[in-house]
Protein backbone atom coordinates (compact mmCIF):
# COMPACT_ATOMS: atom_id res chain seq x y z
CA MET A 1 8.34 3.95 38.68
CA LYS A 2 8.38 1.57 41.62
CA LEU A 3 5.99 1.37 44.55
CA TYR A 4 7.00 -0.42 47.77
CA VAL A 5 4.34 -1.08 50.40
CA HIS A 6 5.19 -1.66 54.05
CA LYS A 7 2.99 -2.01 57.12
CA LYS A 8 3.71 1.56 58.19
CA GLY A 9 3.92 3.34 54.86
CA ILE A 10 4.66 3.47 51.18
CA ILE A 11 7.86 4.24 49.29
CA LEU A 12 7.63 5.70 45.80
CA VAL A 13 10.75 5.52 43.65
CA GLY A 14 10.99 7.27 40.33
CA LYS A 15 11.28 10.64 38.68
CA ALA A 16 9.65 13.57 40.43
CA TRP A 17 7.00 14.06 37.75
CA GLU A 18 6.07 10.34 37.90
CA ILE A 19 5.63 10.46 41.66
CA ARG A 20 3.52 13.64 41.49
CA GLU A 21 1.25 12.09 38.84
CA LYS A 22 0.84 8.88 40.86
CA LEU A 23 -0.01 10.84 44.02
CA LYS A 24 -2.59 12.90 42.12
CA GLU A 25 -4.12 9.69 40.77
CA TYR A 26 -4.42 8.07 44.21
CA GLN A 27 -5.63 11.31 45.79
CA GLN A 28 -8.80 11.01 43.70
CA HIS A 29 -9.51 7.51 45.06
CA TYR A 30 -8.48 7.76 48.73
CA ASP A 31 -8.98 10.40 51.43
CA GLY A 32 -5.63 9.78 53.10
CA LEU A 33 -2.50 7.71 53.12
CA GLN A 34 -3.86 5.36 55.79
CA ASP A 35 -6.88 4.50 53.59
CA TRP A 36 -4.54 3.74 50.69
CA ILE A 37 -2.32 1.47 52.80
CA GLN A 38 -5.30 -0.42 54.23
CA SER A 39 -6.78 -1.04 50.77
CA ILE A 40 -3.45 -2.37 49.48
CA HIS A 41 -3.16 -4.79 52.43
CA LYS A 42 -6.74 -5.97 51.84
CA GLU A 43 -5.92 -6.68 48.17
CA LYS A 44 -2.83 -8.69 49.15
CA SER A 45 -4.70 -10.81 51.69
CA SER A 46 -7.54 -11.64 49.27
């Protein structure tokens, strides 16, 4: 599975079951998509 991060969003590429599992995993850590994107950008800048 591949995960592409852009300033305005995220692109998940893979099989449907892989994407569903990844979304479930991140749903436990973040309240929304915007929180997820912001945390990824913070990790890249550090």
